Amino acid sequence: MPPFKPISRDNLIRALRKAGFDGPYSGGRHQSPNPHRGDIGKDLLLRILKQADITREKFEAL
């Protein structure tokens, strides 16, 4: 992964899948749309990683 900075939704999903996560899916097996415009900011990224129990260092090493 690039240095810890805002990241696109697609790159975040790619990294989370590399870490062993599956999804995102809403209802069926289709990806849900991105409600955010543009990249995911560092604050939201930190909250997502915390919920996924992934450290910043581990995320950057993916």
N, C-alpha and C. Protein backbone atom coordinates (compact mmCIF):
# COMPACT_ATOMS: atom_id res chain seq x y z
N MET A 1 0.84 -1.17 0.00
CA MET A 1 0.00 0.00 0.00
C MET A 1 0.89 1.24 0.00
N PRO A 2 0.39 2.32 -0.55
CA PRO A 2 1.13 3.58 -0.49
C PRO A 2 1.17 4.09 0.94
N PRO A 3 1.94 5.13 1.19
CA PRO A 3 1.96 5.70 2.55
C PRO A 3 0.55 6.01 3.04
N PHE A 4 0.39 6.05 4.34
CA PHE A 4 -0.92 6.28 4.94
C PHE A 4 -1.43 7.67 4.56
N LYS A 5 -2.43 7.70 3.71
CA LYS A 5 -3.03 8.95 3.25
C LYS A 5 -4.41 8.62 2.72
N PRO A 6 -5.20 9.61 2.30
CA PRO A 6 -6.51 9.29 1.73
C PRO A 6 -6.38 8.24 0.64
N ILE A 7 -7.40 7.37 0.55
CA ILE A 7 -7.34 6.22 -0.35
C ILE A 7 -8.67 6.07 -1.08
N SER A 8 -8.62 5.59 -2.29
CA SER A 8 -9.86 5.36 -3.04
C SER A 8 -10.58 4.14 -2.44
N ARG A 9 -11.88 4.11 -2.64
CA ARG A 9 -12.69 2.99 -2.14
C ARG A 9 -12.20 1.67 -2.72
N ASP A 10 -11.90 1.65 -4.01
CA ASP A 10 -11.45 0.42 -4.65
C ASP A 10 -10.13 -0.08 -4.05
N ASN A 11 -9.19 0.83 -3.80
CA ASN A 11 -7.91 0.42 -3.21
C ASN A 11 -8.09 -0.05 -1.77
N LEU A 12 -9.00 0.58 -1.03
CA LEU A 12 -9.27 0.13 0.34
C LEU A 12 -9.86 -1.27 0.34
N ILE A 13 -10.83 -1.51 -0.53
CA ILE A 13 -11.44 -2.84 -0.62
C ILE A 13 -10.39 -3.87 -1.01
N ARG A 14 -9.54 -3.54 -1.95
CA ARG A 14 -8.47 -4.44 -2.38
C ARG A 14 -7.56 -4.79 -1.20
N ALA A 15 -7.18 -3.79 -0.42
CA ALA A 15 -6.30 -4.02 0.73
C ALA A 15 -6.99 -4.86 1.80
N LEU A 16 -8.27 -4.58 2.07
CA LEU A 16 -8.99 -5.35 3.08
C LEU A 16 -9.17 -6.81 2.64
N ARG A 17 -9.40 -7.03 1.38
CA ARG A 17 -9.49 -8.41 0.89
C ARG A 17 -8.15 -9.12 1.03
N LYS A 18 -7.07 -8.40 0.78
CA LYS A 18 -5.74 -8.97 0.95
C LYS A 18 -5.50 -9.36 2.41
N ALA A 19 -6.14 -8.62 3.32
CA ALA A 19 -6.03 -8.91 4.75
C ALA A 19 -6.99 -10.01 5.19
N GLY A 20 -7.81 -10.52 4.25
CA GLY A 20 -8.68 -11.65 4.58
C GLY A 20 -10.16 -11.32 4.70
N PHE A 21 -10.55 -10.09 4.43
CA PHE A 21 -11.96 -9.72 4.54
C PHE A 21 -12.67 -9.96 3.21
N ASP A 22 -13.99 -10.14 3.27
CA ASP A 22 -14.81 -10.36 2.09
C ASP A 22 -15.88 -9.28 2.06
N GLY A 23 -16.31 -8.88 0.87
CA GLY A 23 -17.37 -7.90 0.77
C GLY A 23 -16.85 -6.64 0.11
N PRO A 24 -17.50 -5.55 0.16
CA PRO A 24 -18.78 -5.27 0.83
C PRO A 24 -19.96 -5.69 -0.03
N TYR A 25 -20.98 -6.18 0.62
CA TYR A 25 -22.19 -6.60 -0.07
C TYR A 25 -23.40 -6.09 0.70
N SER A 26 -24.37 -5.63 -0.01
CA SER A 26 -25.63 -5.24 0.63
C SER A 26 -26.74 -6.02 -0.06
N GLY A 27 -27.45 -6.80 0.68
CA GLY A 27 -28.53 -7.60 0.11
C GLY A 27 -27.97 -8.79 -0.65
N GLY A 28 -27.76 -8.64 -1.95
CA GLY A 28 -27.27 -9.72 -2.80
C GLY A 28 -25.75 -9.80 -2.75
N ARG A 29 -25.18 -10.24 -3.85
CA ARG A 29 -23.72 -10.38 -3.92
C ARG A 29 -23.11 -9.26 -4.75
N HIS A 30 -23.78 -8.13 -4.84
CA HIS A 30 -23.25 -7.00 -5.59
C HIS A 30 -22.71 -5.95 -4.63
N GLN A 31 -21.64 -5.29 -5.01
CA GLN A 31 -21.07 -4.26 -4.15
C GLN A 31 -22.05 -3.11 -4.01
N SER A 32 -22.09 -2.57 -2.80
CA SER A 32 -22.95 -1.41 -2.57
C SER A 32 -22.25 -0.17 -3.11
N PRO A 33 -23.03 0.84 -3.50
CA PRO A 33 -22.40 2.05 -4.04
C PRO A 33 -21.66 2.82 -2.94
N ASN A 34 -20.72 3.63 -3.35
CA ASN A 34 -19.95 4.45 -2.42
C ASN A 34 -20.73 5.73 -2.12
N PRO A 35 -21.18 5.91 -0.87
CA PRO A 35 -21.93 7.13 -0.55
C PRO A 35 -21.03 8.36 -0.40
N HIS A 36 -19.72 8.16 -0.36
CA HIS A 36 -18.77 9.26 -0.20
C HIS A 36 -18.25 9.69 -1.56
N ARG A 37 -18.07 10.96 -1.72
CA ARG A 37 -17.49 11.48 -2.96
C ARG A 37 -15.98 11.49 -2.80
N GLY A 38 -15.26 11.05 -3.79
CA GLY A 38 -13.81 11.10 -3.76
C GLY A 38 -13.20 10.04 -2.86
N ASP A 39 -11.97 10.32 -2.43
CA ASP A 39 -11.22 9.37 -1.61
C ASP A 39 -11.73 9.31 -0.17
N ILE A 40 -11.42 8.21 0.50
CA ILE A 40 -11.73 8.04 1.91
C ILE A 40 -10.61 8.70 2.69
N GLY A 41 -10.96 9.64 3.55
CA GLY A 41 -9.97 10.41 4.31
C GLY A 41 -9.27 9.58 5.38
N LYS A 42 -8.19 10.14 5.92
CA LYS A 42 -7.39 9.44 6.91
C LYS A 42 -8.18 9.13 8.17
N ASP A 43 -9.05 10.05 8.62
CA ASP A 43 -9.82 9.81 9.84
C ASP A 43 -10.76 8.62 9.69
N LEU A 44 -11.50 8.58 8.58
CA LEU A 44 -12.41 7.46 8.34
C LEU A 44 -11.62 6.17 8.13
N LEU A 45 -10.50 6.25 7.44
CA LEU A 45 -9.66 5.08 7.23
C LEU A 45 -9.18 4.51 8.56
N LEU A 46 -8.77 5.37 9.48
CA LEU A 46 -8.35 4.90 10.81
C LEU A 46 -9.48 4.20 11.55
N ARG A 47 -10.71 4.74 11.44
CA ARG A 47 -11.85 4.11 12.11
C ARG A 47 -12.18 2.75 11.49
N ILE A 48 -12.08 2.65 10.17
CA ILE A 48 -12.33 1.38 9.50
C ILE A 48 -11.30 0.35 9.92
N LEU A 49 -10.03 0.74 9.94
CA LEU A 49 -8.96 -0.18 10.33
C LEU A 49 -9.12 -0.62 11.78
N LYS A 50 -9.52 0.30 12.65
CA LYS A 50 -9.72 -0.05 14.06
C LYS A 50 -10.83 -1.10 14.20
N GLN A 51 -11.94 -0.90 13.48
CA GLN A 51 -13.03 -1.87 13.53
C GLN A 51 -12.62 -3.22 12.96
N ALA A 52 -11.72 -3.19 11.98
CA ALA A 52 -11.24 -4.43 11.36
C ALA A 52 -10.09 -5.05 12.14
N ASP A 53 -9.66 -4.38 13.22
CA ASP A 53 -8.55 -4.83 14.05
C ASP A 53 -7.26 -4.99 13.23
N ILE A 54 -7.00 -3.97 12.39
CA ILE A 54 -5.79 -3.92 11.58
C ILE A 54 -5.01 -2.67 11.98
N THR A 55 -3.75 -2.85 12.35
CA THR A 55 -2.93 -1.70 12.70
C THR A 55 -2.54 -0.93 11.45
N ARG A 56 -2.18 0.31 11.68
CA ARG A 56 -1.72 1.14 10.55
C ARG A 56 -0.49 0.52 9.89
N GLU A 57 0.41 -0.01 10.70
CA GLU A 57 1.63 -0.63 10.18
C GLU A 57 1.31 -1.84 9.33
N LYS A 58 0.38 -2.68 9.82
CA LYS A 58 0.00 -3.87 9.05
C LYS A 58 -0.67 -3.46 7.74
N PHE A 59 -1.50 -2.42 7.79
CA PHE A 59 -2.19 -1.94 6.60
C PHE A 59 -1.17 -1.46 5.56
N GLU A 60 -0.17 -0.70 6.01
CA GLU A 60 0.84 -0.18 5.09
C GLU A 60 1.70 -1.29 4.51
N ALA A 61 1.78 -2.42 5.20
CA ALA A 61 2.61 -3.53 4.73
C ALA A 61 1.86 -4.45 3.75
N LEU A 62 0.54 -4.26 3.63
CA LEU A 62 -0.25 -5.12 2.73
C LEU A 62 0.16 -4.94 1.29
